[in-house]
Amino acid sequence: MTSVVDTKVAIRTYKAALKEKGAEASSAERKAVVNGVSKAVKSECAPYVEDFFGCFQHRFALNSCTDATVGKMLKCQEQFSAQLLASH
């Protein structure tokens, strides 16, 4: 499993490769960043995703299923990915 630290290293590596080799030659590094960020966000936001899919399975008929359920999941994903990508 990719850690947040591994993802930050991958981001730095990608940015260096982008400067050195250009966008077309940096596809392996870009793939590592995308994979790392997606796994880190998935792990960090898992409780919100579980709540969302619980609501989804019950067709949002549960009392706890509100717009806030979706909003919390999206906010977590957006903020955490932005934080990872902006840290370098």
PDB file of N, CA and C in Angstrom:
ATOM      1  N   MET A   1       0.843  -1.182   0.000  1.00  0.00           N
ATOM      2  CA  MET A   1       0.000   0.000   0.000  1.00  0.00           C
ATOM      3  C   MET A   1       0.887   1.244   0.000  1.00  0.00           C
ATOM      4  N   THR A   2       0.513   2.206  -0.759  1.00  0.00           N
ATOM      5  CA  THR A   2       1.259   3.453  -0.877  1.00  0.00           C
ATOM      6  C   THR A   2       0.916   4.361   0.296  1.00  0.00           C
ATOM      7  N   SER A   3       1.937   4.912   0.942  1.00  0.00           N
ATOM      8  CA  SER A   3       1.694   5.822   2.054  1.00  0.00           C
ATOM      9  C   SER A   3       1.664   7.266   1.556  1.00  0.00           C
ATOM     10  N   VAL A   4       1.271   8.160   2.432  1.00  0.00           N
ATOM     11  CA  VAL A   4       1.248   9.581   2.095  1.00  0.00           C
ATOM     12  C   VAL A   4       2.676  10.064   1.831  1.00  0.00           C
ATOM     13  N   VAL A   5       3.623   9.561   2.621  1.00  0.00           N
ATOM     14  CA  VAL A   5       5.028   9.944   2.423  1.00  0.00           C
ATOM     15  C   VAL A   5       5.512   9.487   1.048  1.00  0.00           C
ATOM     16  N   ASP A   6       5.175   8.260   0.662  1.00  0.00           N
ATOM     17  CA  ASP A   6       5.542   7.759  -0.668  1.00  0.00           C
ATOM     18  C   ASP A   6       4.924   8.626  -1.763  1.00  0.00           C
ATOM     19  N   THR A   7       3.694   9.047  -1.550  1.00  0.00           N
ATOM     20  CA  THR A   7       3.009   9.879  -2.535  1.00  0.00           C
ATOM     21  C   THR A   7       3.688  11.242  -2.660  1.00  0.00           C
ATOM     22  N   LYS A   8       4.080  11.822  -1.542  1.00  0.00           N
ATOM     23  CA  LYS A   8       4.780  13.110  -1.585  1.00  0.00           C
ATOM     24  C   LYS A   8       6.111  12.986  -2.322  1.00  0.00           C
ATOM     25  N   VAL A   9       6.808  11.871  -2.110  1.00  0.00           N
ATOM     26  CA  VAL A   9       8.062  11.624  -2.836  1.00  0.00           C
ATOM     27  C   VAL A   9       7.774  11.483  -4.330  1.00  0.00           C
ATOM     28  N   ALA A  10       6.703  10.774  -4.662  1.00  0.00           N
ATOM     29  CA  ALA A  10       6.333  10.600  -6.069  1.00  0.00           C
ATOM     30  C   ALA A  10       5.993  11.935  -6.724  1.00  0.00           C
ATOM     31  N   ILE A  11       5.351  12.821  -5.984  1.00  0.00           N
ATOM     32  CA  ILE A  11       5.016  14.142  -6.517  1.00  0.00           C
ATOM     33  C   ILE A  11       6.292  14.929  -6.813  1.00  0.00           C
ATOM     34  N   ARG A  12       7.231  14.901  -5.877  1.00  0.00           N
ATOM     35  CA  ARG A  12       8.508  15.601  -6.099  1.00  0.00           C
ATOM     36  C   ARG A  12       9.247  15.012  -7.297  1.00  0.00           C
ATOM     37  N   THR A  13       9.246  13.685  -7.395  1.00  0.00           N
ATOM     38  CA  THR A  13       9.910  13.015  -8.511  1.00  0.00           C
ATOM     39  C   THR A  13       9.260  13.394  -9.831  1.00  0.00           C
ATOM     40  N   TYR A  14       7.934  13.431  -9.841  1.00  0.00           N
ATOM     41  CA  TYR A  14       7.215  13.801 -11.061  1.00  0.00           C
ATOM     42  C   TYR A  14       7.534  15.234 -11.477  1.00  0.00           C
ATOM     43  N   LYS A  15       7.523  16.142 -10.523  1.00  0.00           N
ATOM     44  CA  LYS A  15       7.802  17.541 -10.850  1.00  0.00           C
ATOM     45  C   LYS A  15       9.219  17.705 -11.385  1.00  0.00           C
ATOM     46  N   ALA A  16      10.173  16.970 -10.823  1.00  0.00           N
ATOM     47  CA  ALA A  16      11.553  17.021 -11.319  1.00  0.00           C
ATOM     48  C   ALA A  16      11.632  16.435 -12.724  1.00  0.00           C
ATOM     49  N   ALA A  17      10.956  15.312 -12.952  1.00  0.00           N
ATOM     50  CA  ALA A  17      10.962  14.677 -14.274  1.00  0.00           C
ATOM     51  C   ALA A  17      10.275  15.559 -15.305  1.00  0.00           C
ATOM     52  N   LEU A  18       9.247  16.241 -14.897  1.00  0.00           N
ATOM     53  CA  LEU A  18       8.522  17.139 -15.795  1.00  0.00           C
ATOM     54  C   LEU A  18       9.445  18.253 -16.290  1.00  0.00           C
ATOM     55  N   LYS A  19      10.231  18.814 -15.376  1.00  0.00           N
ATOM     56  CA  LYS A  19      11.178  19.861 -15.767  1.00  0.00           C
ATOM     57  C   LYS A  19      12.294  19.304 -16.644  1.00  0.00           C
ATOM     58  N   GLU A  20      12.746  18.121 -16.285  1.00  0.00           N
ATOM     59  CA  GLU A  20      13.897  17.526 -16.979  1.00  0.00           C
ATOM     60  C   GLU A  20      13.533  16.913 -18.328  1.00  0.00           C
ATOM     61  N   LYS A  21      12.445  16.142 -18.355  1.00  0.00           N
ATOM     62  CA  LYS A  21      12.118  15.365 -19.557  1.00  0.00           C
ATOM     63  C   LYS A  21      10.923  15.888 -20.343  1.00  0.00           C
ATOM     64  N   GLY A  22      10.098  16.710 -19.710  1.00  0.00           N
ATOM     65  CA  GLY A  22       8.889  17.176 -20.367  1.00  0.00           C
ATOM     66  C   GLY A  22       7.706  16.273 -20.046  1.00  0.00           C
ATOM     67  N   ALA A  23       6.528  16.718 -20.439  1.00  0.00           N
ATOM     68  CA  ALA A  23       5.289  16.024 -20.082  1.00  0.00           C
ATOM     69  C   ALA A  23       5.178  14.640 -20.701  1.00  0.00           C
ATOM     70  N   GLU A  24       5.552  14.502 -21.945  1.00  0.00           N
ATOM     71  CA  GLU A  24       5.381  13.225 -22.639  1.00  0.00           C
ATOM     72  C   GLU A  24       6.277  12.132 -22.069  1.00  0.00           C
ATOM     73  N   ALA A  25       7.474  12.507 -21.629  1.00  0.00           N
ATOM     74  CA  ALA A  25       8.430  11.520 -21.132  1.00  0.00           C
ATOM     75  C   ALA A  25       8.255  11.238 -19.643  1.00  0.00           C
ATOM     76  N   SER A  26       7.299  11.881 -19.001  1.00  0.00           N
ATOM     77  CA  SER A  26       7.108  11.720 -17.561  1.00  0.00           C
ATOM     78  C   SER A  26       5.866  10.903 -17.216  1.00  0.00           C
ATOM     79  N   SER A  27       5.405  10.084 -18.121  1.00  0.00           N
ATOM     80  CA  SER A  27       4.149   9.359 -17.898  1.00  0.00           C
ATOM     81  C   SER A  27       4.239   8.352 -16.756  1.00  0.00           C
ATOM     82  N   ALA A  28       5.370   7.694 -16.580  1.00  0.00           N
ATOM     83  CA  ALA A  28       5.509   6.727 -15.480  1.00  0.00           C
ATOM     84  C   ALA A  28       5.431   7.437 -14.130  1.00  0.00           C
ATOM     85  N   GLU A  29       6.072   8.589 -14.035  1.00  0.00           N
ATOM     86  CA  GLU A  29       6.039   9.356 -12.796  1.00  0.00           C
ATOM     87  C   GLU A  29       4.636   9.896 -12.528  1.00  0.00           C
ATOM     88  N   ARG A  30       3.966  10.354 -13.587  1.00  0.00           N
ATOM     89  CA  ARG A  30       2.590  10.855 -13.456  1.00  0.00           C
ATOM     90  C   ARG A  30       1.670   9.731 -12.987  1.00  0.00           C
ATOM     91  N   LYS A  31       1.847   8.544 -13.528  1.00  0.00           N
ATOM     92  CA  LYS A  31       1.034   7.402 -13.132  1.00  0.00           C
ATOM     93  C   LYS A  31       1.235   7.081 -11.652  1.00  0.00           C
ATOM     94  N   ALA A  32       2.475   7.168 -11.173  1.00  0.00           N
ATOM     95  CA  ALA A  32       2.761   6.909  -9.759  1.00  0.00           C
ATOM     96  C   ALA A  32       2.072   7.935  -8.861  1.00  0.00           C
ATOM     97  N   VAL A  33       2.048   9.204  -9.298  1.00  0.00           N
ATOM     98  CA  VAL A  33       1.392  10.258  -8.523  1.00  0.00           C
ATOM     99  C   VAL A  33      -0.117  10.023  -8.478  1.00  0.00           C
ATOM    100  N   VAL A  34      -0.712   9.756  -9.614  1.00  0.00           N
ATOM    101  CA  VAL A  34      -2.165   9.536  -9.665  1.00  0.00           C
ATOM    102  C   VAL A  34      -2.549   8.342  -8.795  1.00  0.00           C
ATOM    103  N   ASN A  35      -1.799   7.266  -8.899  1.00  0.00           N
ATOM    104  CA  ASN A  35      -2.068   6.071  -8.105  1.00  0.00           C
ATOM    105  C   ASN A  35      -1.922   6.368  -6.613  1.00  0.00           C
ATOM    106  N   GLY A  36      -0.845   7.059  -6.245  1.00  0.00           N
ATOM    107  CA  GLY A  36      -0.605   7.371  -4.840  1.00  0.00           C
ATOM    108  C   GLY A  36      -1.656   8.289  -4.256  1.00  0.00           C
ATOM    109  N   VAL A  37      -2.016   9.330  -4.987  1.00  0.00           N
ATOM    110  CA  VAL A  37      -3.022  10.271  -4.498  1.00  0.00           C
ATOM    111  C   VAL A  37      -4.376   9.564  -4.353  1.00  0.00           C
ATOM    112  N   SER A  38      -4.739   8.757  -5.329  1.00  0.00           N
ATOM    113  CA  SER A  38      -6.042   8.081  -5.249  1.00  0.00           C
ATOM    114  C   SER A  38      -6.099   7.122  -4.066  1.00  0.00           C
ATOM    115  N   LYS A  39      -5.016   6.389  -3.812  1.00  0.00           N
ATOM    116  CA  LYS A  39      -5.002   5.464  -2.665  1.00  0.00           C
ATOM    117  C   LYS A  39      -5.008   6.209  -1.341  1.00  0.00           C
ATOM    118  N   ALA A  40      -4.272   7.311  -1.259  1.00  0.00           N
ATOM    119  CA  ALA A  40      -4.233   8.086  -0.022  1.00  0.00           C
ATOM    120  C   ALA A  40      -5.598   8.712   0.274  1.00  0.00           C
ATOM    121  N   VAL A  41      -6.240   9.262  -0.750  1.00  0.00           N
ATOM    122  CA  VAL A  41      -7.563   9.870  -0.570  1.00  0.00           C
ATOM    123  C   VAL A  41      -8.580   8.800  -0.209  1.00  0.00           C
ATOM    124  N   LYS A  42      -8.501   7.659  -0.856  1.00  0.00           N
ATOM    125  CA  LYS A  42      -9.416   6.560  -0.551  1.00  0.00           C
ATOM    126  C   LYS A  42      -9.293   6.146   0.908  1.00  0.00           C
ATOM    127  N   SER A  43      -8.084   6.036   1.386  1.00  0.00           N
ATOM    128  CA  SER A  43      -7.844   5.636   2.773  1.00  0.00           C
ATOM    129  C   SER A  43      -8.308   6.704   3.757  1.00  0.00           C
ATOM    130  N   GLU A  44      -7.958   7.950   3.486  1.00  0.00           N
ATOM    131  CA  GLU A  44      -8.268   9.047   4.402  1.00  0.00           C
ATOM    132  C   GLU A  44      -9.772   9.318   4.474  1.00  0.00           C
ATOM    133  N   CYS A  45     -10.472   9.180   3.381  1.00  0.00           N
ATOM    134  CA  CYS A  45     -11.894   9.535   3.321  1.00  0.00           C
ATOM    135  C   CYS A  45     -12.815   8.322   3.407  1.00  0.00           C
ATOM    136  N   ALA A  46     -12.286   7.174   3.767  1.00  0.00           N
ATOM    137  CA  ALA A  46     -13.071   5.938   3.802  1.00  0.00           C
ATOM    138  C   ALA A  46     -14.351   6.038   4.629  1.00  0.00           C
ATOM    139  N   PRO A  47     -14.342   6.651   5.819  1.00  0.00           N
ATOM    140  CA  PRO A  47     -15.598   6.714   6.588  1.00  0.00           C
ATOM    141  C   PRO A  47     -16.718   7.453   5.852  1.00  0.00           C
ATOM    142  N   TYR A  48     -16.351   8.524   5.154  1.00  0.00           N
ATOM    143  CA  TYR A  48     -17.365   9.300   4.425  1.00  0.00           C
ATOM    144  C   TYR A  48     -17.876   8.534   3.210  1.00  0.00           C
ATOM    145  N   VAL A  49     -16.985   7.793   2.563  1.00  0.00           N
ATOM    146  CA  VAL A  49     -17.385   6.989   1.412  1.00  0.00           C
ATOM    147  C   VAL A  49     -18.316   5.865   1.863  1.00  0.00           C
ATOM    148  N   GLU A  50     -18.005   5.247   3.006  1.00  0.00           N
ATOM    149  CA  GLU A  50     -18.875   4.193   3.540  1.00  0.00           C
ATOM    150  C   GLU A  50     -20.265   4.741   3.846  1.00  0.00           C
ATOM    151  N   ASP A  51     -20.321   5.923   4.470  1.00  0.00           N
ATOM    152  CA  ASP A  51     -21.621   6.543   4.751  1.00  0.00           C
ATOM    153  C   ASP A  51     -22.399   6.788   3.461  1.00  0.00           C
ATOM    154  N   PHE A  52     -21.692   7.311   2.444  1.00  0.00           N
ATOM    155  CA  PHE A  52     -22.345   7.587   1.163  1.00  0.00           C
ATOM    156  C   PHE A  52     -22.904   6.310   0.547  1.00  0.00           C
ATOM    157  N   PHE A  53     -22.098   5.249   0.502  1.00  0.00           N
ATOM    158  CA  PHE A  53     -22.576   4.020  -0.129  1.00  0.00           C
ATOM    159  C   PHE A  53     -23.658   3.330   0.692  1.00  0.00           C
ATOM    160  N   GLY A  54     -23.640   3.519   2.001  1.00  0.00           N
ATOM    161  CA  GLY A  54     -24.745   3.022   2.825  1.00  0.00           C
ATOM    162  C   GLY A  54     -26.049   3.701   2.428  1.00  0.00           C
ATOM    163  N   CYS A  55     -25.969   5.000   2.228  1.00  0.00           N
ATOM    164  CA  CYS A  55     -27.152   5.748   1.780  1.00  0.00           C
ATOM    165  C   CYS A  55     -27.553   5.339   0.366  1.00  0.00           C
ATOM    166  N   PHE A  56     -26.560   5.187  -0.492  1.00  0.00           N
ATOM    167  CA  PHE A  56     -26.819   4.810  -1.883  1.00  0.00           C
ATOM    168  C   PHE A  56     -27.545   3.468  -1.952  1.00  0.00           C
ATOM    169  N   GLN A  57     -27.079   2.504  -1.167  1.00  0.00           N
ATOM    170  CA  GLN A  57     -27.702   1.175  -1.171  1.00  0.00           C
ATOM    171  C   GLN A  57     -29.147   1.225  -0.707  1.00  0.00           C
ATOM    172  N   HIS A  58     -29.450   2.155   0.182  1.00  0.00           N
ATOM    173  CA  HIS A  58     -30.825   2.288   0.671  1.00  0.00           C
ATOM    174  C   HIS A  58     -31.594   3.381  -0.067  1.00  0.00           C
ATOM    175  N   ARG A  59     -31.046   3.786  -1.209  1.00  0.00           N
ATOM    176  CA  ARG A  59     -31.683   4.789  -2.060  1.00  0.00           C
ATOM    177  C   ARG A  59     -32.004   6.077  -1.312  1.00  0.00           C
ATOM    178  N   PHE A  60     -31.096   6.428  -0.405  1.00  0.00           N
ATOM    179  CA  PHE A  60     -31.172   7.650   0.386  1.00  0.00           C
ATOM    180  C   PHE A  60     -32.461   7.740   1.203  1.00  0.00           C
ATOM    181  N   ALA A  61     -32.997   6.573   1.595  1.00  0.00           N
ATOM    182  CA  ALA A  61     -34.230   6.543   2.378  1.00  0.00           C
ATOM    183  C   ALA A  61     -33.964   6.602   3.884  1.00  0.00           C
ATOM    184  N   LEU A  62     -32.724   6.440   4.321  1.00  0.00           N
ATOM    185  CA  LEU A  62     -32.413   6.480   5.746  1.00  0.00           C
ATOM    186  C   LEU A  62     -32.476   7.922   6.250  1.00  0.00           C
ATOM    187  N   ASN A  63     -32.826   8.071   7.513  1.00  0.00           N
ATOM    188  CA  ASN A  63     -32.925   9.414   8.101  1.00  0.00           C
ATOM    189  C   ASN A  63     -31.587  10.141   8.106  1.00  0.00           C
ATOM    190  N   SER A  64     -30.505   9.392   8.197  1.00  0.00           N
ATOM    191  CA  SER A  64     -29.176  10.007   8.260  1.00  0.00           C
ATOM    192  C   SER A  64     -28.658  10.428   6.885  1.00  0.00           C
ATOM    193  N   CYS A  65     -29.370  10.075   5.836  1.00  0.00           N
ATOM    194  CA  CYS A  65     -28.926  10.395   4.474  1.00  0.00           C
ATOM    195  C   CYS A  65     -29.444  11.770   4.050  1.00  0.00           C
ATOM    196  N   THR A  66     -28.523  12.710   4.014  1.00  0.00           N
ATOM    197  CA  THR A  66     -28.874  14.069   3.608  1.00  0.00           C
ATOM    198  C   THR A  66     -27.849  14.532   2.578  1.00  0.00           C
ATOM    199  N   ASP A  67     -28.044  15.729   2.102  1.00  0.00           N
ATOM    200  CA  ASP A  67     -27.057  16.306   1.189  1.00  0.00           C
ATOM    201  C   ASP A  67     -25.702  16.425   1.864  1.00  0.00           C
ATOM    202  N   ALA A  68     -25.709  16.561   3.176  1.00  0.00           N
ATOM    203  CA  ALA A  68     -24.457  16.682   3.921  1.00  0.00           C
ATOM    204  C   ALA A  68     -23.624  15.409   3.817  1.00  0.00           C
ATOM    205  N   THR A  69     -24.255  14.260   3.662  1.00  0.00           N
ATOM    206  CA  THR A  69     -23.525  12.999   3.521  1.00  0.00           C
ATOM    207  C   THR A  69     -22.636  13.048   2.286  1.00  0.00           C
ATOM    208  N   VAL A  70     -23.202  13.460   1.191  1.00  0.00           N
ATOM    209  CA  VAL A  70     -22.445  13.585  -0.056  1.00  0.00           C
ATOM    210  C   VAL A  70     -21.437  14.726   0.062  1.00  0.00           C
ATOM    211  N   GLY A  71     -21.859  15.825   0.645  1.00  0.00           N
ATOM    212  CA  GLY A  71     -20.992  16.989   0.789  1.00  0.00           C
ATOM    213  C   GLY A  71     -19.743  16.695   1.602  1.00  0.00           C
ATOM    214  N   LYS A  72     -19.898  15.950   2.692  1.00  0.00           N
ATOM    215  CA  LYS A  72     -18.747  15.611   3.534  1.00  0.00           C
ATOM    216  C   LYS A  72     -17.748  14.745   2.778  1.00  0.00           C
ATOM    217  N   MET A  73     -18.250  13.783   2.006  1.00  0.00           N
ATOM    218  CA  MET A  73     -17.371  12.913   1.236  1.00  0.00           C
ATOM    219  C   MET A  73     -16.600  13.726   0.200  1.00  0.00           C
ATOM    220  N   LEU A  74     -17.311  14.551  -0.558  1.00  0.00           N
ATOM    221  CA  LEU A  74     -16.661  15.351  -1.594  1.00  0.00           C
ATOM    222  C   LEU A  74     -15.681  16.351  -1.008  1.00  0.00           C
ATOM    223  N   LYS A  75     -16.046  16.951   0.108  1.00  0.00           N
ATOM    224  CA  LYS A  75     -15.164  17.920   0.756  1.00  0.00           C
ATOM    225  C   LYS A  75     -13.874  17.245   1.227  1.00  0.00           C
ATOM    226  N   CYS A  76     -13.999  16.075   1.830  1.00  0.00           N
ATOM    227  CA  CYS A  76     -12.825  15.337   2.280  1.00  0.00           C
ATOM    228  C   CYS A  76     -11.910  15.015   1.101  1.00  0.00           C
ATOM    229  N   GLN A  77     -12.489  14.499   0.040  1.00  0.00           N
ATOM    230  CA  GLN A  77     -11.691  14.131  -1.128  1.00  0.00           C
ATOM    231  C   GLN A  77     -11.007  15.344  -1.741  1.00  0.00           C
ATOM    232  N   GLU A  78     -11.735  16.427  -1.862  1.00  0.00           N
ATOM    233  CA  GLU A  78     -11.180  17.639  -2.472  1.00  0.00           C
ATOM    234  C   GLU A  78     -10.071  18.234  -1.608  1.00  0.00           C
ATOM    235  N   GLN A  79     -10.330  18.371  -0.322  1.00  0.00           N
ATOM    236  CA  GLN A  79      -9.349  19.004   0.557  1.00  0.00           C
ATOM    237  C   GLN A  79      -8.093  18.157   0.723  1.00  0.00           C
ATOM    238  N   PHE A  80      -8.256  16.859   0.884  1.00  0.00           N
ATOM    239  CA  PHE A  80      -7.089  16.010   1.105  1.00  0.00           C
ATOM    240  C   PHE A  80      -6.222  15.925  -0.141  1.00  0.00           C
ATOM    241  N   SER A  81      -6.835  15.779  -1.307  1.00  0.00           N
ATOM    242  CA  SER A  81      -6.039  15.728  -2.542  1.00  0.00           C
ATOM    243  C   SER A  81      -5.362  17.063  -2.810  1.00  0.00           C
ATOM    244  N   ALA A  82      -6.061  18.164  -2.545  1.00  0.00           N
ATOM    245  CA  ALA A  82      -5.459  19.483  -2.736  1.00  0.00           C
ATOM    246  C   ALA A  82      -4.290  19.691  -1.791  1.00  0.00           C
ATOM    247  N   GLN A  83      -4.435  19.221  -0.567  1.00  0.00           N
ATOM    248  CA  GLN A  83      -3.363  19.344   0.419  1.00  0.00           C
ATOM    249  C   GLN A  83      -2.138  18.542  -0.018  1.00  0.00           C
ATOM    250  N   LEU A  84      -2.358  17.347  -0.507  1.00  0.00           N
ATOM    251  CA  LEU A  84      -1.240  16.521  -0.985  1.00  0.00           C
ATOM    252  C   LEU A  84      -0.526  17.179  -2.159  1.00  0.00           C
ATOM    253  N   LEU A  85      -1.278  17.657  -3.110  1.00  0.00           N
ATOM    254  CA  LEU A  85      -0.695  18.216  -4.322  1.00  0.00           C
ATOM    255  C   LEU A  85      -0.079  19.591  -4.103  1.00  0.00           C
ATOM    256  N   ALA A  86      -0.583  20.350  -3.133  1.00  0.00           N
ATOM    257  CA  ALA A  86      -0.065  21.693  -2.895  1.00  0.00           C
ATOM    258  C   ALA A  86       1.144  21.709  -1.975  1.00  0.00           C
ATOM    259  N   SER A  87       1.438  20.594  -1.362  1.00  0.00           N
ATOM    260  CA  SER A  87       2.511  20.578  -0.361  1.00  0.00           C
ATOM    261  C   SER A  87       3.902  20.637  -0.999  1.00  0.00           C
ATOM    262  N   HIS A  88       3.961  20.705  -2.312  1.00  0.00           N
ATOM    263  CA  HIS A  88       5.272  20.732  -2.965  1.00  0.00           C
ATOM    264  C   HIS A  88       5.312  21.815  -3.988  1.00  0.00           C
TER     265      HIS A  88
END
